[in-house]
């Protein structure tokens, strides 16, 4: 099973790993694309105004540009420790046992506007680039990554793919046939609506359950059984959609 998580805008600082080495990342076929985009991002960081416009930053976020200035020289840390926020809090990777970390290394991937996708423990620096950013000379990031990212992920998959990325990151490299998750809130009258605030939290809980299970699910119904055992309320929406319900 391959589980694809979205990245987060918020990232931890520091790390104790050597500076970024693109050849040390998973999906080596993406190295030329990563190199091209990383070089462009560092060059852009030399112009604060242009960087702010391209990255959608406000006047108080200049420190985010400094992350890109130091992209090739700053320390790295495993991706699962680099990305922070609601989803990663719910995933609680720090609480994984040794066996859990082994399964995370085998199953967990994180989408990235800069790297396409990385494994949970690939060493990466802190940076700022989102899926909606517009780097001069690149057009859209979607046009930069497709179809290479899709081909790389499909080639890596050996079984069921669970794509928990947001729509923006799914578009960078869609995985045909992947199971997605929709989080809905159910009101007392039975009506349902798409969750916004708690969406990431519940996807984090789902990712944790799927990462730590000893089972090897083959379809969405098997995923639903795993999620239910973990205390989540779920339904099968279709062969490629798992619905997570919250109140």
C-alpha atoms as a PDB file:
ATOM      1  CA  UNK A   1       0.000   0.000   0.000  1.00  0.00           C
ATOM      2  CA  UNK A   2       1.202   3.475  -0.898  1.00  0.00           C
ATOM      3  CA  UNK A   3      -0.241   6.385   1.106  1.00  0.00           C
ATOM      4  CA  UNK A   4       0.165   9.879  -0.316  1.00  0.00           C
ATOM      5  CA  UNK A   5      -0.095  12.780   2.129  1.00  0.00           C
ATOM      6  CA  UNK A   6      -0.335  16.476   1.315  1.00  0.00           C
ATOM      7  CA  UNK A   7       2.550  18.720   2.367  1.00  0.00           C
ATOM      8  CA  UNK A   8       2.044  21.689   4.673  1.00  0.00           C
ATOM      9  CA  UNK A   9       2.862  25.355   4.335  1.00  0.00           C
ATOM     10  CA  UNK A  10       4.266  25.281   7.865  1.00  0.00           C
ATOM     11  CA  UNK A  11       7.579  23.509   8.315  1.00  0.00           C
ATOM     12  CA  UNK A  12       9.991  22.964  11.151  1.00  0.00           C
ATOM     13  CA  UNK A  13      13.318  24.784  11.184  1.00  0.00           C
ATOM     14  CA  UNK A  14      16.788  23.330  11.500  1.00  0.00           C
ATOM     15  CA  UNK A  15      17.752  19.689  11.358  1.00  0.00           C
ATOM     16  CA  UNK A  16      20.903  17.650  11.861  1.00  0.00           C
ATOM     17  CA  UNK A  17      21.267  16.205   8.366  1.00  0.00           C
ATOM     18  CA  UNK A  18      23.698  17.203   5.630  1.00  0.00           C
ATOM     19  CA  UNK A  19      22.578  19.840   3.097  1.00  0.00           C
ATOM     20  CA  UNK A  20      20.196  18.838   0.338  1.00  0.00           C
ATOM     21  CA  UNK A  21      21.420  16.131  -2.026  1.00  0.00           C
ATOM     22  CA  UNK A  22      18.816  15.516  -4.698  1.00  0.00           C
ATOM     23  CA  UNK A  23      20.444  12.183  -5.525  1.00  0.00           C
ATOM     24  CA  UNK A  24      19.580  11.012  -2.017  1.00  0.00           C
ATOM     25  CA  UNK A  25      15.837  11.392  -2.539  1.00  0.00           C
ATOM     26  CA  UNK A  26      13.422   8.682  -3.624  1.00  0.00           C
ATOM     27  CA  UNK A  27      12.079   8.687  -7.200  1.00  0.00           C
ATOM     28  CA  UNK A  28      15.478   9.460  -8.788  1.00  0.00           C
ATOM     29  CA  UNK A  29      13.864   9.855 -12.224  1.00  0.00           C
ATOM     30  CA  UNK A  30      12.602  13.225 -10.945  1.00  0.00           C
ATOM     31  CA  UNK A  31      16.090  14.554 -10.144  1.00  0.00           C
ATOM     32  CA  UNK A  32      16.427  16.727 -13.306  1.00  0.00           C
ATOM     33  CA  UNK A  33      13.048  18.361 -12.676  1.00  0.00           C
ATOM     34  CA  UNK A  34      13.875  18.891  -9.000  1.00  0.00           C
ATOM     35  CA  UNK A  35      17.218  20.442  -9.905  1.00  0.00           C
ATOM     36  CA  UNK A  36      15.673  22.837 -12.404  1.00  0.00           C
ATOM     37  CA  UNK A  37      12.976  23.994 -10.009  1.00  0.00           C
ATOM     38  CA  UNK A  38      15.305  24.265  -6.990  1.00  0.00           C
ATOM     39  CA  UNK A  39      17.790  26.384  -8.941  1.00  0.00           C
ATOM     40  CA  UNK A  40      14.996  28.664 -10.133  1.00  0.00           C
ATOM     41  CA  UNK A  41      13.620  28.990  -6.598  1.00  0.00           C
ATOM     42  CA  UNK A  42      17.024  29.971  -5.177  1.00  0.00           C
ATOM     43  CA  UNK A  43      17.573  32.492  -7.978  1.00  0.00           C
ATOM     44  CA  UNK A  44      14.123  33.961  -7.386  1.00  0.00           C
ATOM     45  CA  UNK A  45      14.904  34.317  -3.668  1.00  0.00           C
ATOM     46  CA  UNK A  46      17.465  36.983  -4.576  1.00  0.00           C
ATOM     47  CA  UNK A  47      14.572  39.337  -5.404  1.00  0.00           C
ATOM     48  CA  UNK A  48      12.355  39.794  -2.363  1.00  0.00           C
ATOM     49  CA  UNK A  49       9.531  41.551  -4.219  1.00  0.00           C
ATOM     50  CA  UNK A  50       9.438  38.980  -7.026  1.00  0.00           C
ATOM     51  CA  UNK A  51       9.576  36.135  -4.523  1.00  0.00           C
ATOM     52  CA  UNK A  52       6.733  37.596  -2.480  1.00  0.00           C
ATOM     53  CA  UNK A  53       4.580  37.901  -5.587  1.00  0.00           C
ATOM     54  CA  UNK A  54       5.396  34.413  -6.909  1.00  0.00           C
ATOM     55  CA  UNK A  55       4.947  32.693  -3.549  1.00  0.00           C
ATOM     56  CA  UNK A  56       1.922  34.704  -2.440  1.00  0.00           C
ATOM     57  CA  UNK A  57       3.648  36.089   0.657  1.00  0.00           C
ATOM     58  CA  UNK A  58       2.726  39.123   2.713  1.00  0.00           C
ATOM     59  CA  UNK A  59       5.060  41.881   3.948  1.00  0.00           C
ATOM     60  CA  UNK A  60       5.639  40.102   7.281  1.00  0.00           C
ATOM     61  CA  UNK A  61       6.732  36.804   5.701  1.00  0.00           C
ATOM     62  CA  UNK A  62      10.207  37.725   4.478  1.00  0.00           C
ATOM     63  CA  UNK A  63      11.674  34.946   6.644  1.00  0.00           C
ATOM     64  CA  UNK A  64       9.959  32.451   4.343  1.00  0.00           C
ATOM     65  CA  UNK A  65      12.091  33.741   1.460  1.00  0.00           C
ATOM     66  CA  UNK A  66      15.216  33.216   3.566  1.00  0.00           C
ATOM     67  CA  UNK A  67      14.392  29.517   3.660  1.00  0.00           C
ATOM     68  CA  UNK A  68      14.746  29.456  -0.127  1.00  0.00           C
ATOM     69  CA  UNK A  69      17.936  31.520  -0.081  1.00  0.00           C
ATOM     70  CA  UNK A  70      19.540  28.770   2.033  1.00  0.00           C
ATOM     71  CA  UNK A  71      17.973  25.850   0.168  1.00  0.00           C
ATOM     72  CA  UNK A  72      21.327  24.275  -0.825  1.00  0.00           C
ATOM     73  CA  UNK A  73      23.153  25.009   2.425  1.00  0.00           C
ATOM     74  CA  UNK A  74      20.672  24.588   5.280  1.00  0.00           C
ATOM     75  CA  UNK A  75      20.476  21.303   7.232  1.00  0.00           C
ATOM     76  CA  UNK A  76      17.980  18.606   6.357  1.00  0.00           C
ATOM     77  CA  UNK A  77      15.664  16.463   8.442  1.00  0.00           C
ATOM     78  CA  UNK A  78      13.332  13.596   7.485  1.00  0.00           C
ATOM     79  CA  UNK A  79      10.284  14.831   5.584  1.00  0.00           C
ATOM     80  CA  UNK A  80       7.958  13.418   8.221  1.00  0.00           C
ATOM     81  CA  UNK A  81       9.624  15.714  10.769  1.00  0.00           C
ATOM     82  CA  UNK A  82       9.914  18.695   8.413  1.00  0.00           C
ATOM     83  CA  UNK A  83       6.212  19.113   7.657  1.00  0.00           C
ATOM     84  CA  UNK A  84       4.049  20.321  10.544  1.00  0.00           C
ATOM     85  CA  UNK A  85       0.445  21.288  11.160  1.00  0.00           C
ATOM     86  CA  UNK A  86      -2.938  19.727  11.870  1.00  0.00           C
ATOM     87  CA  UNK A  87      -2.619  16.620   9.680  1.00  0.00           C
ATOM     88  CA  UNK A  88       0.859  15.782  10.928  1.00  0.00           C
ATOM     89  CA  UNK A  89      -0.174  16.374  14.544  1.00  0.00           C
ATOM     90  CA  UNK A  90      -2.964  13.811  14.094  1.00  0.00           C
ATOM     91  CA  UNK A  91      -0.587  11.404  12.362  1.00  0.00           C
ATOM     92  CA  UNK A  92       1.690  11.651  15.435  1.00  0.00           C
ATOM     93  CA  UNK A  93       4.733  10.081  13.820  1.00  0.00           C
ATOM     94  CA  UNK A  94       6.753  10.758  16.964  1.00  0.00           C
ATOM     95  CA  UNK A  95       4.586   8.173  18.687  1.00  0.00           C
ATOM     96  CA  UNK A  96       5.328   5.394  16.189  1.00  0.00           C
ATOM     97  CA  UNK A  97       6.977   2.271  17.519  1.00  0.00           C
ATOM     98  CA  UNK A  98       9.978   0.796  15.701  1.00  0.00           C
ATOM     99  CA  UNK A  99       7.583  -1.421  13.737  1.00  0.00           C
ATOM    100  CA  UNK A 100       5.447   1.634  12.987  1.00  0.00           C
ATOM    101  CA  UNK A 101       8.428   3.547  11.658  1.00  0.00           C
ATOM    102  CA  UNK A 102       9.277   0.612   9.418  1.00  0.00           C
ATOM    103  CA  UNK A 103       5.756   0.616   7.977  1.00  0.00           C
ATOM    104  CA  UNK A 104       5.855   4.393   7.567  1.00  0.00           C
ATOM    105  CA  UNK A 105       9.087   4.085   5.605  1.00  0.00           C
ATOM    106  CA  UNK A 106       7.452   1.514   3.352  1.00  0.00           C
ATOM    107  CA  UNK A 107       4.037   3.129   2.922  1.00  0.00           C
ATOM    108  CA  UNK A 108       4.095   6.883   3.511  1.00  0.00           C
ATOM    109  CA  UNK A 109       4.852   9.471   0.853  1.00  0.00           C
ATOM    110  CA  UNK A 110       4.354  13.248   0.997  1.00  0.00           C
ATOM    111  CA  UNK A 111       3.479  15.356  -2.025  1.00  0.00           C
ATOM    112  CA  UNK A 112       5.638  18.413  -2.653  1.00  0.00           C
ATOM    113  CA  UNK A 113       5.555  21.335  -5.051  1.00  0.00           C
ATOM    114  CA  UNK A 114       9.362  21.405  -4.986  1.00  0.00           C
ATOM    115  CA  UNK A 115      10.219  17.697  -4.984  1.00  0.00           C
ATOM    116  CA  UNK A 116       7.111  16.143  -6.555  1.00  0.00           C
ATOM    117  CA  UNK A 117       6.856  13.537  -3.811  1.00  0.00           C
ATOM    118  CA  UNK A 118       9.212  12.226  -1.151  1.00  0.00           C
ATOM    119  CA  UNK A 119       9.232   9.238   1.148  1.00  0.00           C
ATOM    120  CA  UNK A 120       8.518   9.781   4.828  1.00  0.00           C
ATOM    121  CA  UNK A 121      12.171   9.680   5.834  1.00  0.00           C
ATOM    122  CA  UNK A 122      13.793  11.351   2.836  1.00  0.00           C
ATOM    123  CA  UNK A 123      16.022  14.185   4.143  1.00  0.00           C
ATOM    124  CA  UNK A 124      14.839  17.621   3.000  1.00  0.00           C
ATOM    125  CA  UNK A 125      15.535  21.239   4.023  1.00  0.00           C
ATOM    126  CA  UNK A 126      12.966  23.803   4.990  1.00  0.00           C
ATOM    127  CA  UNK A 127      11.595  25.720   1.986  1.00  0.00           C
ATOM    128  CA  UNK A 128       8.629  27.724   0.795  1.00  0.00           C
ATOM    129  CA  UNK A 129       6.768  26.734  -2.356  1.00  0.00           C
ATOM    130  CA  UNK A 130       3.125  25.752  -2.684  1.00  0.00           C
ATOM    131  CA  UNK A 131       1.271  23.977  -5.447  1.00  0.00           C
ATOM    132  CA  UNK A 132      -0.344  27.253  -6.525  1.00  0.00           C
ATOM    133  CA  UNK A 133       2.892  29.271  -6.687  1.00  0.00           C
ATOM    134  CA  UNK A 134       3.895  30.704 -10.066  1.00  0.00           C
ATOM    135  CA  UNK A 135       7.632  30.715 -10.637  1.00  0.00           C
ATOM    136  CA  UNK A 136       8.663  33.019 -13.524  1.00  0.00           C
ATOM    137  CA  UNK A 137       9.489  30.996 -16.606  1.00  0.00           C
ATOM    138  CA  UNK A 138       7.751  27.815 -15.389  1.00  0.00           C
ATOM    139  CA  UNK A 139       4.117  28.358 -16.202  1.00  0.00           C
ATOM    140  CA  UNK A 140       2.135  26.289 -13.740  1.00  0.00           C
ATOM    141  CA  UNK A 141       3.756  23.733 -11.454  1.00  0.00           C
ATOM    142  CA  UNK A 142       1.238  21.262 -12.809  1.00  0.00           C
ATOM    143  CA  UNK A 143       2.737  21.662 -16.276  1.00  0.00           C
ATOM    144  CA  UNK A 144       6.206  21.218 -14.770  1.00  0.00           C
ATOM    145  CA  UNK A 145       5.432  17.938 -12.991  1.00  0.00           C
ATOM    146  CA  UNK A 146       3.048  16.185 -15.374  1.00  0.00           C
ATOM    147  CA  UNK A 147       3.364  13.532 -16.632  1.00  0.00           C
ATOM    148  CA  UNK A 148       6.684  12.628 -14.989  1.00  0.00           C
ATOM    149  CA  UNK A 149       5.347  12.620 -11.418  1.00  0.00           C
ATOM    150  CA  UNK A 150       2.401  10.406 -12.354  1.00  0.00           C
ATOM    151  CA  UNK A 151       4.711   7.946 -14.110  1.00  0.00           C
ATOM    152  CA  UNK A 152       7.100   7.880 -11.148  1.00  0.00           C
ATOM    153  CA  UNK A 153       4.351   7.254  -8.589  1.00  0.00           C
ATOM    154  CA  UNK A 154       2.639   4.599 -10.697  1.00  0.00           C
ATOM    155  CA  UNK A 155       5.984   2.876 -11.130  1.00  0.00           C
ATOM    156  CA  UNK A 156       6.538   2.897  -7.363  1.00  0.00           C
ATOM    157  CA  UNK A 157       3.092   1.582  -6.456  1.00  0.00           C
ATOM    158  CA  UNK A 158       2.819  -2.121  -5.807  1.00  0.00           C
ATOM    159  CA  UNK A 159      -0.765  -2.503  -4.737  1.00  0.00           C
ATOM    160  CA  UNK A 160      -3.397  -0.120  -3.443  1.00  0.00           C
ATOM    161  CA  UNK A 161      -2.728   3.641  -3.565  1.00  0.00           C
ATOM    162  CA  UNK A 162      -4.494   5.907  -1.057  1.00  0.00           C
ATOM    163  CA  UNK A 163      -4.243   9.533  -2.171  1.00  0.00           C
ATOM    164  CA  UNK A 164      -4.931  11.937   0.700  1.00  0.00           C
ATOM    165  CA  UNK A 165      -3.402  14.935  -1.078  1.00  0.00           C
ATOM    166  CA  UNK A 166      -5.507  18.041  -1.620  1.00  0.00           C
ATOM    167  CA  UNK A 167      -6.808  18.703  -5.117  1.00  0.00           C
ATOM    168  CA  UNK A 168      -3.947  21.055  -5.961  1.00  0.00           C
ATOM    169  CA  UNK A 169      -1.327  18.407  -5.231  1.00  0.00           C
ATOM    170  CA  UNK A 170      -3.304  15.591  -6.818  1.00  0.00           C
ATOM    171  CA  UNK A 171      -3.233  17.608 -10.039  1.00  0.00           C
ATOM    172  CA  UNK A 172       0.578  17.756  -9.994  1.00  0.00           C
ATOM    173  CA  UNK A 173       0.672  13.998 -10.483  1.00  0.00           C
ATOM    174  CA  UNK A 174      -2.663  12.146 -10.561  1.00  0.00           C
ATOM    175  CA  UNK A 175      -2.540   8.436  -9.786  1.00  0.00           C
ATOM    176  CA  UNK A 176      -5.204   6.562 -11.792  1.00  0.00           C
ATOM    177  CA  UNK A 177      -7.359   4.285  -9.668  1.00  0.00           C
ATOM    178  CA  UNK A 178      -6.163   5.687  -6.344  1.00  0.00           C
ATOM    179  CA  UNK A 179      -8.604   5.710  -3.431  1.00  0.00           C
ATOM    180  CA  UNK A 180      -9.336   9.197  -2.098  1.00  0.00           C
ATOM    181  CA  UNK A 181     -10.958  10.250   1.185  1.00  0.00           C
ATOM    182  CA  UNK A 182     -13.782  12.745   1.608  1.00  0.00           C
ATOM    183  CA  UNK A 183     -14.429  14.114   5.092  1.00  0.00           C
ATOM    184  CA  UNK A 184     -18.058  15.066   5.757  1.00  0.00           C
ATOM    185  CA  UNK A 185     -19.787  16.402   8.825  1.00  0.00           C
ATOM    186  CA  UNK A 186     -23.211  14.955   9.610  1.00  0.00           C
ATOM    187  CA  UNK A 187     -25.723  17.194  11.341  1.00  0.00           C
ATOM    188  CA  UNK A 188     -28.469  15.956  13.734  1.00  0.00           C
ATOM    189  CA  UNK A 189     -31.033  16.198  10.911  1.00  0.00           C
ATOM    190  CA  UNK A 190     -28.975  13.795   8.814  1.00  0.00           C
ATOM    191  CA  UNK A 191     -27.751  16.374   6.326  1.00  0.00           C
ATOM    192  CA  UNK A 192     -24.080  16.309   5.382  1.00  0.00           C
ATOM    193  CA  UNK A 193     -21.575  18.911   4.247  1.00  0.00           C
ATOM    194  CA  UNK A 194     -17.905  18.989   3.356  1.00  0.00           C
ATOM    195  CA  UNK A 195     -15.667  19.586   6.346  1.00  0.00           C
ATOM    196  CA  UNK A 196     -13.098  22.338   6.107  1.00  0.00           C
ATOM    197  CA  UNK A 197     -11.607  22.962   9.548  1.00  0.00           C
ATOM    198  CA  UNK A 198     -11.316  19.330  10.636  1.00  0.00           C
ATOM    199  CA  UNK A 199     -10.577  17.857   7.212  1.00  0.00           C
ATOM    200  CA  UNK A 200      -6.820  17.636   7.780  1.00  0.00           C
ATOM    201  CA  UNK A 201      -7.235  16.275  11.294  1.00  0.00           C
ATOM    202  CA  UNK A 202      -9.361  13.340  10.184  1.00  0.00           C
ATOM    203  CA  UNK A 203      -7.132  12.598   7.209  1.00  0.00           C
ATOM    204  CA  UNK A 204      -4.229  12.511   9.640  1.00  0.00           C
ATOM    205  CA  UNK A 205      -6.064  10.003  11.824  1.00  0.00           C
ATOM    206  CA  UNK A 206      -6.893   7.907   8.767  1.00  0.00           C
ATOM    207  CA  UNK A 207      -3.278   8.016   7.585  1.00  0.00           C
ATOM    208  CA  UNK A 208      -2.113   6.882  11.025  1.00  0.00           C
ATOM    209  CA  UNK A 209      -4.503   3.925  11.033  1.00  0.00           C
ATOM    210  CA  UNK A 210      -3.464   2.862   7.534  1.00  0.00           C
ATOM    211  CA  UNK A 211       0.235   3.292   8.285  1.00  0.00           C
ATOM    212  CA  UNK A 212       0.253   1.241  11.476  1.00  0.00           C
ATOM    213  CA  UNK A 213      -2.009  -1.639  10.464  1.00  0.00           C
ATOM    214  CA  UNK A 214      -0.399  -5.010   9.879  1.00  0.00           C
ATOM    215  CA  UNK A 215      -2.999  -5.703   7.196  1.00  0.00           C
ATOM    216  CA  UNK A 216      -2.358  -5.237   3.492  1.00  0.00           C
ATOM    217  CA  UNK A 217      -5.691  -3.902   2.180  1.00  0.00           C
ATOM    218  CA  UNK A 218      -6.525  -4.638  -1.429  1.00  0.00           C
ATOM    219  CA  UNK A 219      -9.588  -2.428  -1.910  1.00  0.00           C
ATOM    220  CA  UNK A 220     -11.636   0.377  -0.396  1.00  0.00           C
ATOM    221  CA  UNK A 221     -13.755  -1.991   1.715  1.00  0.00           C
ATOM    222  CA  UNK A 222     -10.644  -3.314   3.400  1.00  0.00           C
ATOM    223  CA  UNK A 223      -9.573   0.275   4.046  1.00  0.00           C
ATOM    224  CA  UNK A 224     -12.951   0.942   5.642  1.00  0.00           C
ATOM    225  CA  UNK A 225     -12.534  -2.012   8.009  1.00  0.00           C
ATOM    226  CA  UNK A 226      -9.119  -0.758   9.121  1.00  0.00           C
ATOM    227  CA  UNK A 227     -10.425   2.764   9.671  1.00  0.00           C
ATOM    228  CA  UNK A 228     -13.422   1.474  11.645  1.00  0.00           C
ATOM    229  CA  UNK A 229     -11.202  -0.588  13.929  1.00  0.00           C
ATOM    230  CA  UNK A 230      -9.209   2.572  14.609  1.00  0.00           C
ATOM    231  CA  UNK A 231     -12.370   4.329  15.799  1.00  0.00           C
ATOM    232  CA  UNK A 232     -13.208   6.306  12.692  1.00  0.00           C
ATOM    233  CA  UNK A 233     -16.726   6.404  11.311  1.00  0.00           C
ATOM    234  CA  UNK A 234     -16.506   5.640   7.618  1.00  0.00           C
ATOM    235  CA  UNK A 235     -18.537   4.596   4.610  1.00  0.00           C
ATOM    236  CA  UNK A 236     -17.603   3.350   1.168  1.00  0.00           C
ATOM    237  CA  UNK A 237     -18.638   6.005  -1.329  1.00  0.00           C
ATOM    238  CA  UNK A 238     -17.403   4.182  -4.420  1.00  0.00           C
ATOM    239  CA  UNK A 239     -14.585   1.762  -5.353  1.00  0.00           C
ATOM    240  CA  UNK A 240     -12.232   4.759  -5.261  1.00  0.00           C
ATOM    241  CA  UNK A 241     -13.724   6.881  -2.466  1.00  0.00           C
ATOM    242  CA  UNK A 242     -13.766   6.419   1.290  1.00  0.00           C
ATOM    243  CA  UNK A 243     -16.084   8.752   3.189  1.00  0.00           C
ATOM    244  CA  UNK A 244     -15.037   9.775   6.709  1.00  0.00           C
ATOM    245  CA  UNK A 245     -17.887  11.095   8.837  1.00  0.00           C
ATOM    246  CA  UNK A 246     -17.671  13.473  11.769  1.00  0.00           C
ATOM    247  CA  UNK A 247     -20.253  15.275  13.839  1.00  0.00           C
END
